[in-house]
C-alpha cells in the first residue's frame, strides 16, 4: 500500500515535470525571459527570521542554521520537497527550548543554504557527510538527532556510523525503507540531465514551483489541514524554491539522487528511537510505521507517537503537542544534561 502510493506520486511528479520540459522547449526566448522575471521576483521576498541565525563554513558551501535555547543539544533536520527548509521546525523548536539547546540547519541546497558549487553532484552521501561534520564541528558534543522525511535515513546512517555522536534518534514520517531506499534508475538519470539544462530544466522547475503548484502540493501531500497553507506559507516555499542553486537540490531529490536505503542497517542502531507520524499523512502513510517498528532493534524498543490532526509534518502542524511529547520522551530517558 505504502509503495503503491509513493509510486503514484512519483509518476504524477514526472508527468508534471515532463509537461514543463515540453512547454519550455516550445520556444526559447519566452521561457528565458520568464525564468529571469521569476528569479528577480523571488529575490525581492524577505527572509523569514527566527532564532539566532549563524553560518557553518562547510567545504562545499555555507550552511545556514538557527540556534536557540540551552541544555542538551537537539539537532532538527528538515524534510525534502519544493521550498522546504528548517522553517518547518520553528514553532516546535520554540517549545523544545524549555529544556534543550536547539540547532536547526538548512541542508545544502535548501533554504538559506541554497548556493551550491557547480561541480558538486548532490547525492545522499553529500548530506550524510554534511550532517556528520555539522555534529562534529558545530554542535561539538553528543546530541539528539531528529529528522523528517528522507533525511531521516541520513540520521539513521549517522546513528549507526557514529554512535558516539547520537544519544537518541527521532524519525518523523521517515523514508528510506521503500521507494526512497532505491537507487535512481535510468529514467531518473535522464530526468536529472534534462532538469539540469539551463532553459528547459529551469522552465520545468519554475512551473513545478509556481505559487499555484506549491499550494496544490502543500495541501495534497504535506498538510492535513489545507487552511494552514496560507499566503505566508506559500510565499516562504516560493522564495526558497527560487533561491540561487535551489533548483539543483530539488532536481536531485525529484530524480532520486538523494535516496538512501537503510534496510540493512536499521537493526544496528544502538540509540533509543522515537517515531512520529501524522495520522493523515499521504506519503509515507502512517501504516508504514509498522515496517519501521519491525526492523528497528527490540532493545530498547522504539516508541511510536501518532498525531491525529497532522500529515507528514506533525512538528509543523501540531508544534505544541509535538514539542511536549518529544520533550517528555527525552526527559524520561534522562537526557536533560
C-alpha atoms as a PDB file:
ATOM      1  CA  UNK A   1       0.000   0.000   0.000  1.00  0.00           C
ATOM      2  CA  UNK A   2       2.742   2.488   1.015  1.00  0.00           C
ATOM      3  CA  UNK A   3       4.861   1.530  -2.002  1.00  0.00           C
ATOM      4  CA  UNK A   4       1.952   1.949  -4.455  1.00  0.00           C
ATOM      5  CA  UNK A   5       1.106   5.408  -3.073  1.00  0.00           C
ATOM      6  CA  UNK A   6       4.712   6.528  -3.382  1.00  0.00           C
ATOM      7  CA  UNK A   7       4.930   5.211  -6.940  1.00  0.00           C
ATOM      8  CA  UNK A   8       1.724   7.011  -7.926  1.00  0.00           C
ATOM      9  CA  UNK A   9       3.051  10.301  -6.539  1.00  0.00           C
ATOM     10  CA  UNK A  10       6.330   9.728  -8.330  1.00  0.00           C
ATOM     11  CA  UNK A  11       4.541   9.170 -11.666  1.00  0.00           C
ATOM     12  CA  UNK A  12       2.434  12.295 -11.142  1.00  0.00           C
ATOM     13  CA  UNK A  13       5.510  14.418 -10.446  1.00  0.00           C
ATOM     14  CA  UNK A  14       7.278  13.034 -13.515  1.00  0.00           C
ATOM     15  CA  UNK A  15       4.278  13.925 -15.697  1.00  0.00           C
ATOM     16  CA  UNK A  16       4.257  17.478 -14.362  1.00  0.00           C
ATOM     17  CA  UNK A  17       7.992  17.855 -14.935  1.00  0.00           C
ATOM     18  CA  UNK A  18       7.794  16.413 -18.460  1.00  0.00           C
ATOM     19  CA  UNK A  19       4.938  18.810 -19.246  1.00  0.00           C
ATOM     20  CA  UNK A  20       7.134  21.663 -18.029  1.00  0.00           C
ATOM     21  CA  UNK A  21      10.036  20.482 -20.181  1.00  0.00           C
ATOM     22  CA  UNK A  22       7.791  20.353 -23.254  1.00  0.00           C
ATOM     23  CA  UNK A  23       6.477  23.847 -22.577  1.00  0.00           C
ATOM     24  CA  UNK A  24       9.990  25.108 -22.046  1.00  0.00           C
ATOM     25  CA  UNK A  25      11.039  23.600 -25.375  1.00  0.00           C
ATOM     26  CA  UNK A  26       8.192  25.212 -27.297  1.00  0.00           C
ATOM     27  CA  UNK A  27      10.177  28.413 -27.581  1.00  0.00           C
ATOM     28  CA  UNK A  28      13.495  29.657 -26.319  1.00  0.00           C
ATOM     29  CA  UNK A  29      13.190  33.401 -25.827  1.00  0.00           C
ATOM     30  CA  UNK A  30       9.903  33.411 -23.909  1.00  0.00           C
ATOM     31  CA  UNK A  31      10.941  30.806 -21.281  1.00  0.00           C
ATOM     32  CA  UNK A  32      14.309  32.512 -20.841  1.00  0.00           C
ATOM     33  CA  UNK A  33      12.640  35.863 -20.166  1.00  0.00           C
ATOM     34  CA  UNK A  34      10.052  34.262 -17.859  1.00  0.00           C
ATOM     35  CA  UNK A  35      12.788  32.475 -15.889  1.00  0.00           C
ATOM     36  CA  UNK A  36      14.626  35.766 -15.377  1.00  0.00           C
ATOM     37  CA  UNK A  37      11.476  37.509 -14.135  1.00  0.00           C
ATOM     38  CA  UNK A  38      10.679  34.662 -11.719  1.00  0.00           C
ATOM     39  CA  UNK A  39      14.205  34.777 -10.310  1.00  0.00           C
ATOM     40  CA  UNK A  40      14.080  38.559  -9.822  1.00  0.00           C
ATOM     41  CA  UNK A  41      10.682  38.451  -8.139  1.00  0.00           C
ATOM     42  CA  UNK A  42      11.720  35.696  -5.707  1.00  0.00           C
ATOM     43  CA  UNK A  43      14.866  37.634  -4.801  1.00  0.00           C
ATOM     44  CA  UNK A  44      12.721  40.544  -3.574  1.00  0.00           C
ATOM     45  CA  UNK A  45      10.883  38.455  -0.979  1.00  0.00           C
ATOM     46  CA  UNK A  46      12.127  38.946   2.628  1.00  0.00           C
ATOM     47  CA  UNK A  47      13.871  36.144   4.534  1.00  0.00           C
ATOM     48  CA  UNK A  48      11.996  34.561   7.426  1.00  0.00           C
ATOM     49  CA  UNK A  49      13.878  35.255  10.660  1.00  0.00           C
ATOM     50  CA  UNK A  50      13.757  33.234  13.866  1.00  0.00           C
ATOM     51  CA  UNK A  51      16.219  32.074  16.494  1.00  0.00           C
ATOM     52  CA  UNK A  52      19.827  33.187  16.407  1.00  0.00           C
ATOM     53  CA  UNK A  53      20.951  32.801  12.812  1.00  0.00           C
ATOM     54  CA  UNK A  54      24.517  31.663  12.135  1.00  0.00           C
ATOM     55  CA  UNK A  55      26.530  30.020   9.375  1.00  0.00           C
ATOM     56  CA  UNK A  56      28.767  26.975   9.186  1.00  0.00           C
ATOM     57  CA  UNK A  57      31.512  27.426   6.592  1.00  0.00           C
ATOM     58  CA  UNK A  58      31.447  23.893   5.239  1.00  0.00           C
ATOM     59  CA  UNK A  59      33.814  22.731   2.496  1.00  0.00           C
ATOM     60  CA  UNK A  60      31.039  22.503  -0.125  1.00  0.00           C
ATOM     61  CA  UNK A  61      29.170  25.688   0.812  1.00  0.00           C
ATOM     62  CA  UNK A  62      27.939  27.845   3.685  1.00  0.00           C
ATOM     63  CA  UNK A  63      25.314  26.180   5.852  1.00  0.00           C
ATOM     64  CA  UNK A  64      22.785  28.484   7.500  1.00  0.00           C
ATOM     65  CA  UNK A  65      21.373  27.317  10.825  1.00  0.00           C
ATOM     66  CA  UNK A  66      19.305  28.552  13.740  1.00  0.00           C
ATOM     67  CA  UNK A  67      20.428  28.141  17.327  1.00  0.00           C
ATOM     68  CA  UNK A  68      18.300  28.768  20.410  1.00  0.00           C
ATOM     69  CA  UNK A  69      17.850  27.604  23.986  1.00  0.00           C
ATOM     70  CA  UNK A  70      20.214  25.935  26.456  1.00  0.00           C
ATOM     71  CA  UNK A  71      20.849  22.384  27.635  1.00  0.00           C
ATOM     72  CA  UNK A  72      21.308  19.070  25.871  1.00  0.00           C
ATOM     73  CA  UNK A  73      21.820  19.736  22.127  1.00  0.00           C
ATOM     74  CA  UNK A  74      18.953  18.650  19.866  1.00  0.00           C
ATOM     75  CA  UNK A  75      19.510  18.873  16.095  1.00  0.00           C
ATOM     76  CA  UNK A  76      16.354  19.258  13.992  1.00  0.00           C
ATOM     77  CA  UNK A  77      16.681  18.245  10.327  1.00  0.00           C
ATOM     78  CA  UNK A  78      14.016  19.349   7.852  1.00  0.00           C
ATOM     79  CA  UNK A  79      12.300  17.248   5.184  1.00  0.00           C
ATOM     80  CA  UNK A  80      12.804  17.498   1.416  1.00  0.00           C
ATOM     81  CA  UNK A  81      10.338  18.911  -1.102  1.00  0.00           C
ATOM     82  CA  UNK A  82       9.667  22.094  -3.039  1.00  0.00           C
ATOM     83  CA  UNK A  83      10.632  25.040  -0.842  1.00  0.00           C
ATOM     84  CA  UNK A  84      11.349  23.035   2.300  1.00  0.00           C
ATOM     85  CA  UNK A  85      13.730  24.390   4.925  1.00  0.00           C
ATOM     86  CA  UNK A  86      14.412  24.485   8.656  1.00  0.00           C
ATOM     87  CA  UNK A  87      11.498  26.939   8.982  1.00  0.00           C
ATOM     88  CA  UNK A  88       9.181  23.920   9.297  1.00  0.00           C
ATOM     89  CA  UNK A  89      10.695  23.392  12.768  1.00  0.00           C
ATOM     90  CA  UNK A  90      10.273  26.955  14.020  1.00  0.00           C
ATOM     91  CA  UNK A  91       7.327  26.586  16.392  1.00  0.00           C
ATOM     92  CA  UNK A  92       8.229  23.110  17.661  1.00  0.00           C
ATOM     93  CA  UNK A  93      11.769  24.373  18.313  1.00  0.00           C
ATOM     94  CA  UNK A  94      10.424  27.191  20.464  1.00  0.00           C
ATOM     95  CA  UNK A  95       8.607  24.621  22.614  1.00  0.00           C
ATOM     96  CA  UNK A  96      11.717  22.451  22.953  1.00  0.00           C
ATOM     97  CA  UNK A  97      13.863  25.367  24.136  1.00  0.00           C
ATOM     98  CA  UNK A  98      12.246  24.975  27.551  1.00  0.00           C
ATOM     99  CA  UNK A  99      14.640  22.075  28.160  1.00  0.00           C
ATOM    100  CA  UNK A 100      17.170  21.872  25.329  1.00  0.00           C
ATOM    101  CA  UNK A 101      19.581  23.749  23.086  1.00  0.00           C
ATOM    102  CA  UNK A 102      18.254  23.602  19.540  1.00  0.00           C
ATOM    103  CA  UNK A 103      20.212  23.524  16.280  1.00  0.00           C
ATOM    104  CA  UNK A 104      18.179  23.672  13.060  1.00  0.00           C
ATOM    105  CA  UNK A 105      20.283  23.727   9.856  1.00  0.00           C
ATOM    106  CA  UNK A 106      19.166  24.372   6.294  1.00  0.00           C
ATOM    107  CA  UNK A 107      20.686  21.453   4.412  1.00  0.00           C
ATOM    108  CA  UNK A 108      22.957  22.333   1.490  1.00  0.00           C
ATOM    109  CA  UNK A 109      20.832  23.468  -1.459  1.00  0.00           C
ATOM    110  CA  UNK A 110      17.775  24.220   0.704  1.00  0.00           C
ATOM    111  CA  UNK A 111      16.503  27.332   2.452  1.00  0.00           C
ATOM    112  CA  UNK A 112      19.222  29.882   3.095  1.00  0.00           C
ATOM    113  CA  UNK A 113      21.946  27.292   2.307  1.00  0.00           C
ATOM    114  CA  UNK A 114      20.898  27.126  -1.322  1.00  0.00           C
ATOM    115  CA  UNK A 115      24.091  28.114  -3.102  1.00  0.00           C
ATOM    116  CA  UNK A 116      25.907  25.004  -4.339  1.00  0.00           C
ATOM    117  CA  UNK A 117      29.198  24.719  -6.237  1.00  0.00           C
ATOM    118  CA  UNK A 118      28.603  23.960  -9.925  1.00  0.00           C
ATOM    119  CA  UNK A 119      30.861  20.900  -9.892  1.00  0.00           C
ATOM    120  CA  UNK A 120      29.296  19.283  -6.854  1.00  0.00           C
ATOM    121  CA  UNK A 121      26.884  16.445  -7.623  1.00  0.00           C
ATOM    122  CA  UNK A 122      24.251  16.495  -4.896  1.00  0.00           C
ATOM    123  CA  UNK A 123      23.544  12.986  -3.633  1.00  0.00           C
ATOM    124  CA  UNK A 124      22.796  11.199  -0.390  1.00  0.00           C
ATOM    125  CA  UNK A 125      26.451  10.877   0.606  1.00  0.00           C
ATOM    126  CA  UNK A 126      26.885  14.660   0.472  1.00  0.00           C
ATOM    127  CA  UNK A 127      24.139  15.088   3.053  1.00  0.00           C
ATOM    128  CA  UNK A 128      25.329  12.296   5.338  1.00  0.00           C
ATOM    129  CA  UNK A 129      28.776  13.900   5.256  1.00  0.00           C
ATOM    130  CA  UNK A 130      27.352  17.385   5.866  1.00  0.00           C
ATOM    131  CA  UNK A 131      25.362  16.274   8.903  1.00  0.00           C
ATOM    132  CA  UNK A 132      28.322  14.361  10.328  1.00  0.00           C
ATOM    133  CA  UNK A 133      30.534  17.444  10.035  1.00  0.00           C
ATOM    134  CA  UNK A 134      27.791  19.640  11.493  1.00  0.00           C
ATOM    135  CA  UNK A 135      27.526  17.392  14.542  1.00  0.00           C
ATOM    136  CA  UNK A 136      31.301  17.344  14.998  1.00  0.00           C
ATOM    137  CA  UNK A 137      32.265  20.918  14.146  1.00  0.00           C
ATOM    138  CA  UNK A 138      29.210  22.987  15.123  1.00  0.00           C
ATOM    139  CA  UNK A 139      27.425  21.070  17.871  1.00  0.00           C
ATOM    140  CA  UNK A 140      30.662  19.647  19.220  1.00  0.00           C
ATOM    141  CA  UNK A 141      29.132  17.161  21.703  1.00  0.00           C
ATOM    142  CA  UNK A 142      26.817  14.145  21.591  1.00  0.00           C
ATOM    143  CA  UNK A 143      23.333  15.237  20.554  1.00  0.00           C
ATOM    144  CA  UNK A 144      19.799  14.099  19.960  1.00  0.00           C
ATOM    145  CA  UNK A 145      19.139  13.882  16.209  1.00  0.00           C
ATOM    146  CA  UNK A 146      15.578  14.430  14.973  1.00  0.00           C
ATOM    147  CA  UNK A 147      14.969  14.227  11.212  1.00  0.00           C
ATOM    148  CA  UNK A 148      11.910  14.269   8.964  1.00  0.00           C
ATOM    149  CA  UNK A 149      11.169  12.555   5.662  1.00  0.00           C
ATOM    150  CA  UNK A 150      14.062  11.301   3.556  1.00  0.00           C
ATOM    151  CA  UNK A 151      16.768  12.957   5.726  1.00  0.00           C
ATOM    152  CA  UNK A 152      15.612  10.596   8.497  1.00  0.00           C
ATOM    153  CA  UNK A 153      17.519   7.908   6.554  1.00  0.00           C
ATOM    154  CA  UNK A 154      20.665  10.037   6.835  1.00  0.00           C
ATOM    155  CA  UNK A 155      20.096  10.328  10.584  1.00  0.00           C
ATOM    156  CA  UNK A 156      19.813   6.532  10.824  1.00  0.00           C
ATOM    157  CA  UNK A 157      23.090   6.153   8.947  1.00  0.00           C
ATOM    158  CA  UNK A 158      24.838   8.582  11.284  1.00  0.00           C
ATOM    159  CA  UNK A 159      23.456   6.833  14.374  1.00  0.00           C
ATOM    160  CA  UNK A 160      24.987   3.597  13.075  1.00  0.00           C
ATOM    161  CA  UNK A 161      28.285   5.067  11.839  1.00  0.00           C
ATOM    162  CA  UNK A 162      28.853   7.468  14.755  1.00  0.00           C
ATOM    163  CA  UNK A 163      27.016   6.147  17.828  1.00  0.00           C
ATOM    164  CA  UNK A 164      29.281   8.319  19.981  1.00  0.00           C
ATOM    165  CA  UNK A 165      27.638  11.418  18.448  1.00  0.00           C
ATOM    166  CA  UNK A 166      23.957  10.402  18.591  1.00  0.00           C
ATOM    167  CA  UNK A 167      22.421   9.984  22.053  1.00  0.00           C
ATOM    168  CA  UNK A 168      18.871   9.472  20.795  1.00  0.00           C
ATOM    169  CA  UNK A 169      17.147   9.382  17.438  1.00  0.00           C
ATOM    170  CA  UNK A 170      13.792  10.805  16.356  1.00  0.00           C
ATOM    171  CA  UNK A 171      12.345   9.853  12.964  1.00  0.00           C
ATOM    172  CA  UNK A 172       9.385  11.868  11.670  1.00  0.00           C
ATOM    173  CA  UNK A 173       7.356  10.163   8.902  1.00  0.00           C
ATOM    174  CA  UNK A 174      10.698   8.706   7.754  1.00  0.00           C
ATOM    175  CA  UNK A 175      11.556   7.475   4.277  1.00  0.00           C
ATOM    176  CA  UNK A 176      14.266   5.088   3.149  1.00  0.00           C
ATOM    177  CA  UNK A 177      12.778   1.620   3.572  1.00  0.00           C
ATOM    178  CA  UNK A 178      10.583   1.501   0.490  1.00  0.00           C
ATOM    179  CA  UNK A 179      10.750   3.585  -2.714  1.00  0.00           C
ATOM    180  CA  UNK A 180      13.091   6.197  -1.306  1.00  0.00           C
ATOM    181  CA  UNK A 181      15.560   3.499  -0.402  1.00  0.00           C
ATOM    182  CA  UNK A 182      16.156   2.583  -4.061  1.00  0.00           C
ATOM    183  CA  UNK A 183      18.986   3.834  -6.229  1.00  0.00           C
ATOM    184  CA  UNK A 184      17.945   6.118  -9.143  1.00  0.00           C
ATOM    185  CA  UNK A 185      17.103   4.195 -12.319  1.00  0.00           C
ATOM    186  CA  UNK A 186      17.722   5.069 -15.974  1.00  0.00           C
ATOM    187  CA  UNK A 187      14.559   7.186 -16.218  1.00  0.00           C
ATOM    188  CA  UNK A 188      15.682   9.104 -13.140  1.00  0.00           C
ATOM    189  CA  UNK A 189      19.111   9.745 -14.671  1.00  0.00           C
ATOM    190  CA  UNK A 190      17.548  11.060 -17.898  1.00  0.00           C
ATOM    191  CA  UNK A 191      15.170  13.295 -15.936  1.00  0.00           C
ATOM    192  CA  UNK A 192      18.064  14.639 -13.872  1.00  0.00           C
ATOM    193  CA  UNK A 193      20.015  15.532 -17.012  1.00  0.00           C
ATOM    194  CA  UNK A 194      17.022  17.297 -18.546  1.00  0.00           C
ATOM    195  CA  UNK A 195      16.286  19.260 -15.377  1.00  0.00           C
ATOM    196  CA  UNK A 196      19.897  20.440 -15.348  1.00  0.00           C
ATOM    197  CA  UNK A 197      19.522  22.147 -18.744  1.00  0.00           C
ATOM    198  CA  UNK A 198      19.650  25.957 -18.326  1.00  0.00           C
ATOM    199  CA  UNK A 199      16.399  26.895 -20.089  1.00  0.00           C
ATOM    200  CA  UNK A 200      14.353  23.696 -20.372  1.00  0.00           C
ATOM    201  CA  UNK A 201      15.109  22.478 -16.861  1.00  0.00           C
ATOM    202  CA  UNK A 202      14.662  25.875 -15.273  1.00  0.00           C
ATOM    203  CA  UNK A 203      11.334  26.352 -17.055  1.00  0.00           C
ATOM    204  CA  UNK A 204      10.053  22.965 -15.883  1.00  0.00           C
ATOM    205  CA  UNK A 205      11.080  23.587 -12.284  1.00  0.00           C
ATOM    206  CA  UNK A 206       9.609  27.094 -12.363  1.00  0.00           C
ATOM    207  CA  UNK A 207       6.271  25.577 -13.353  1.00  0.00           C
ATOM    208  CA  UNK A 208       6.658  22.879 -10.713  1.00  0.00           C
ATOM    209  CA  UNK A 209       7.288  25.584  -8.068  1.00  0.00           C
ATOM    210  CA  UNK A 210       4.800  28.219  -9.172  1.00  0.00           C
ATOM    211  CA  UNK A 211       2.563  29.539  -6.405  1.00  0.00           C
ATOM    212  CA  UNK A 212      -0.385  27.566  -7.772  1.00  0.00           C
ATOM    213  CA  UNK A 213       1.620  24.336  -7.971  1.00  0.00           C
ATOM    214  CA  UNK A 214       3.080  24.848  -4.492  1.00  0.00           C
ATOM    215  CA  UNK A 215      -0.339  25.489  -2.977  1.00  0.00           C
ATOM    216  CA  UNK A 216      -1.638  22.262  -4.514  1.00  0.00           C
ATOM    217  CA  UNK A 217       1.393  20.248  -3.422  1.00  0.00           C
ATOM    218  CA  UNK A 218       1.282  21.522   0.167  1.00  0.00           C
ATOM    219  CA  UNK A 219      -2.458  20.932   0.517  1.00  0.00           C
ATOM    220  CA  UNK A 220      -2.482  17.493  -1.124  1.00  0.00           C
ATOM    221  CA  UNK A 221       0.779  15.927   0.019  1.00  0.00           C
ATOM    222  CA  UNK A 222       2.091  17.772   3.077  1.00  0.00           C
ATOM    223  CA  UNK A 223      -0.520  19.358   5.328  1.00  0.00           C
ATOM    224  CA  UNK A 224      -3.601  17.556   6.624  1.00  0.00           C
ATOM    225  CA  UNK A 225      -5.308  20.912   7.269  1.00  0.00           C
ATOM    226  CA  UNK A 226      -5.442  22.921   3.995  1.00  0.00           C
ATOM    227  CA  UNK A 227      -6.333  26.074   5.952  1.00  0.00           C
ATOM    228  CA  UNK A 228      -2.776  26.141   7.301  1.00  0.00           C
ATOM    229  CA  UNK A 229      -1.447  26.662   3.777  1.00  0.00           C
ATOM    230  CA  UNK A 230      -1.953  30.417   3.746  1.00  0.00           C
ATOM    231  CA  UNK A 231      -0.211  33.109   1.697  1.00  0.00           C
ATOM    232  CA  UNK A 232       2.660  33.286   4.174  1.00  0.00           C
ATOM    233  CA  UNK A 233       3.423  29.564   3.894  1.00  0.00           C
ATOM    234  CA  UNK A 234       3.154  29.659   0.097  1.00  0.00           C
ATOM    235  CA  UNK A 235       5.403  32.744  -0.105  1.00  0.00           C
ATOM    236  CA  UNK A 236       8.048  31.036   2.054  1.00  0.00           C
ATOM    237  CA  UNK A 237       8.085  27.908  -0.108  1.00  0.00           C
ATOM    238  CA  UNK A 238       8.081  30.018  -3.262  1.00  0.00           C
ATOM    239  CA  UNK A 239      11.039  32.090  -2.115  1.00  0.00           C
ATOM    240  CA  UNK A 240      13.015  29.023  -1.000  1.00  0.00           C
ATOM    241  CA  UNK A 241      12.260  27.274  -4.307  1.00  0.00           C
ATOM    242  CA  UNK A 242      13.752  30.125  -6.339  1.00  0.00           C
ATOM    243  CA  UNK A 243      16.893  30.965  -4.403  1.00  0.00           C
ATOM    244  CA  UNK A 244      20.149  30.653  -6.387  1.00  0.00           C
ATOM    245  CA  UNK A 245      21.011  26.953  -6.502  1.00  0.00           C
ATOM    246  CA  UNK A 246      17.722  25.706  -5.052  1.00  0.00           C
ATOM    247  CA  UNK A 247      16.635  24.124  -8.340  1.00  0.00           C
ATOM    248  CA  UNK A 248      19.678  21.851  -8.348  1.00  0.00           C
ATOM    249  CA  UNK A 249      18.824  20.378  -4.956  1.00  0.00           C
ATOM    250  CA  UNK A 250      15.169  19.934  -5.881  1.00  0.00           C
ATOM    251  CA  UNK A 251      16.099  18.282  -9.191  1.00  0.00           C
ATOM    252  CA  UNK A 252      18.395  15.833  -7.399  1.00  0.00           C
ATOM    253  CA  UNK A 253      15.627  14.987  -4.958  1.00  0.00           C
ATOM    254  CA  UNK A 254      12.956  14.506  -7.643  1.00  0.00           C
ATOM    255  CA  UNK A 255      15.314  12.344  -9.716  1.00  0.00           C
ATOM    256  CA  UNK A 256      16.071  10.025  -6.795  1.00  0.00           C
ATOM    257  CA  UNK A 257      19.698  11.093  -6.346  1.00  0.00           C
ATOM    258  CA  UNK A 258      19.099  11.825  -2.658  1.00  0.00           C
ATOM    259  CA  UNK A 259      17.593   8.400  -1.915  1.00  0.00           C
ATOM    260  CA  UNK A 260      19.341   6.479   0.832  1.00  0.00           C
ATOM    261  CA  UNK A 261      18.488   2.896   1.672  1.00  0.00           C
ATOM    262  CA  UNK A 262      18.822   1.865   5.300  1.00  0.00           C
ATOM    263  CA  UNK A 263      17.148  -1.574   5.280  1.00  0.00           C
ATOM    264  CA  UNK A 264      20.372  -3.339   6.202  1.00  0.00           C
ATOM    265  CA  UNK A 265      21.483  -1.004   8.984  1.00  0.00           C
ATOM    266  CA  UNK A 266      18.302  -0.286  10.949  1.00  0.00           C
ATOM    267  CA  UNK A 267      18.814  -3.230  13.291  1.00  0.00           C
ATOM    268  CA  UNK A 268      22.288  -1.934  14.221  1.00  0.00           C
ATOM    269  CA  UNK A 269      21.049   1.268  15.866  1.00  0.00           C
ATOM    270  CA  UNK A 270      22.135   1.484  19.497  1.00  0.00           C
ATOM    271  CA  UNK A 271      20.441   4.777  20.409  1.00  0.00           C
ATOM    272  CA  UNK A 272      16.859   4.957  21.727  1.00  0.00           C
ATOM    273  CA  UNK A 273      14.418   5.649  18.865  1.00  0.00           C
ATOM    274  CA  UNK A 274      11.204   7.675  18.695  1.00  0.00           C
ATOM    275  CA  UNK A 275       8.904   7.528  15.676  1.00  0.00           C
ATOM    276  CA  UNK A 276       6.438  10.346  14.970  1.00  0.00           C
ATOM    277  CA  UNK A 277       3.728  10.228  12.315  1.00  0.00           C
ATOM    278  CA  UNK A 278       0.696  12.234  11.312  1.00  0.00           C
ATOM    279  CA  UNK A 279      -2.441  10.090  11.170  1.00  0.00           C
ATOM    280  CA  UNK A 280      -3.417  11.778   7.898  1.00  0.00           C
ATOM    281  CA  UNK A 281      -0.019  11.531   6.212  1.00  0.00           C
ATOM    282  CA  UNK A 282      -0.218  10.719   2.491  1.00  0.00           C
ATOM    283  CA  UNK A 283       3.321   9.639   1.634  1.00  0.00           C
ATOM    284  CA  UNK A 284       4.529   7.817   3.568  1.00  0.00           C
ATOM    285  CA  UNK A 285       1.209   6.863   5.181  1.00  0.00           C
ATOM    286  CA  UNK A 286       1.022   6.027   8.873  1.00  0.00           C
ATOM    287  CA  UNK A 287       0.670   2.322   8.008  1.00  0.00           C
ATOM    288  CA  UNK A 288       4.347   2.368   7.013  1.00  0.00           C
ATOM    289  CA  UNK A 289       5.259   2.815  10.691  1.00  0.00           C
ATOM    290  CA  UNK A 290       4.776  -0.942  11.165  1.00  0.00           C
ATOM    291  CA  UNK A 291       7.645  -1.630   8.730  1.00  0.00           C
ATOM    292  CA  UNK A 292       9.957   0.567  10.762  1.00  0.00           C
ATOM    293  CA  UNK A 293       8.926  -0.926  14.091  1.00  0.00           C
ATOM    294  CA  UNK A 294       9.578  -4.425  12.732  1.00  0.00           C
ATOM    295  CA  UNK A 295      13.109  -3.565  11.597  1.00  0.00           C
ATOM    296  CA  UNK A 296      14.231  -1.335  14.469  1.00  0.00           C
ATOM    297  CA  UNK A 297      16.031  -3.024  17.395  1.00  0.00           C
ATOM    298  CA  UNK A 298      13.752  -4.533  20.026  1.00  0.00           C
ATOM    299  CA  UNK A 299      16.012  -3.372  22.836  1.00  0.00           C
ATOM    300  CA  UNK A 300      15.497  -0.628  23.681  1.00  0.00           C
ATOM    301  CA  UNK A 301      12.092  -0.782  21.953  1.00  0.00           C
ATOM    302  CA  UNK A 302      11.225   2.119  19.668  1.00  0.00           C
ATOM    303  CA  UNK A 303       8.255   4.272  20.632  1.00  0.00           C
ATOM    304  CA  UNK A 304       5.638   5.443  18.129  1.00  0.00           C
ATOM    305  CA  UNK A 305       3.674   8.666  18.588  1.00  0.00           C
ATOM    306  CA  UNK A 306       0.782   9.390  16.229  1.00  0.00           C
ATOM    307  CA  UNK A 307      -0.562  12.925  15.786  1.00  0.00           C
ATOM    308  CA  UNK A 308      -4.202  12.681  14.864  1.00  0.00           C
ATOM    309  CA  UNK A 309      -4.672  16.012  13.079  1.00  0.00           C
ATOM    310  CA  UNK A 310      -1.415  16.110  11.114  1.00  0.00           C
ATOM    311  CA  UNK A 311       0.091  14.929   7.835  1.00  0.00           C
ATOM    312  CA  UNK A 312       3.775  14.237   7.137  1.00  0.00           C
ATOM    313  CA  UNK A 313       4.948  17.280   9.136  1.00  0.00           C
ATOM    314  CA  UNK A 314       3.367  16.885  12.604  1.00  0.00           C
ATOM    315  CA  UNK A 315       6.040  19.209  14.009  1.00  0.00           C
ATOM    316  CA  UNK A 316       4.747  21.970  11.711  1.00  0.00           C
ATOM    317  CA  UNK A 317       1.002  21.253  12.041  1.00  0.00           C
ATOM    318  CA  UNK A 318       0.869  20.346  15.739  1.00  0.00           C
ATOM    319  CA  UNK A 319       4.047  22.005  17.076  1.00  0.00           C
ATOM    320  CA  UNK A 320       2.936  22.420  20.706  1.00  0.00           C
ATOM    321  CA  UNK A 321       1.806  18.808  21.033  1.00  0.00           C
ATOM    322  CA  UNK A 322       4.841  17.548  19.103  1.00  0.00           C
ATOM    323  CA  UNK A 323       7.264  19.556  21.244  1.00  0.00           C
ATOM    324  CA  UNK A 324       5.665  18.440  24.514  1.00  0.00           C
ATOM    325  CA  UNK A 325       5.661  14.757  23.603  1.00  0.00           C
ATOM    326  CA  UNK A 326       9.234  14.792  22.309  1.00  0.00           C
ATOM    327  CA  UNK A 327      10.360  16.712  25.391  1.00  0.00           C
ATOM    328  CA  UNK A 328       8.634  14.186  27.680  1.00  0.00           C
ATOM    329  CA  UNK A 329      10.238  11.237  25.882  1.00  0.00           C
ATOM    330  CA  UNK A 330      13.716  12.731  26.134  1.00  0.00           C
ATOM    331  CA  UNK A 331      13.329  13.690  29.777  1.00  0.00           C
ATOM    332  CA  UNK A 332      12.011  10.218  30.615  1.00  0.00           C
ATOM    333  CA  UNK A 333      15.229   8.833  29.095  1.00  0.00           C
ATOM    334  CA  UNK A 334      17.167  11.055  31.495  1.00  0.00           C
ATOM    335  CA  UNK A 335      18.589  13.095  28.614  1.00  0.00           C
ATOM    336  CA  UNK A 336      18.420  16.558  30.161  1.00  0.00           C
ATOM    337  CA  UNK A 337      22.106  17.326  30.683  1.00  0.00           C
END
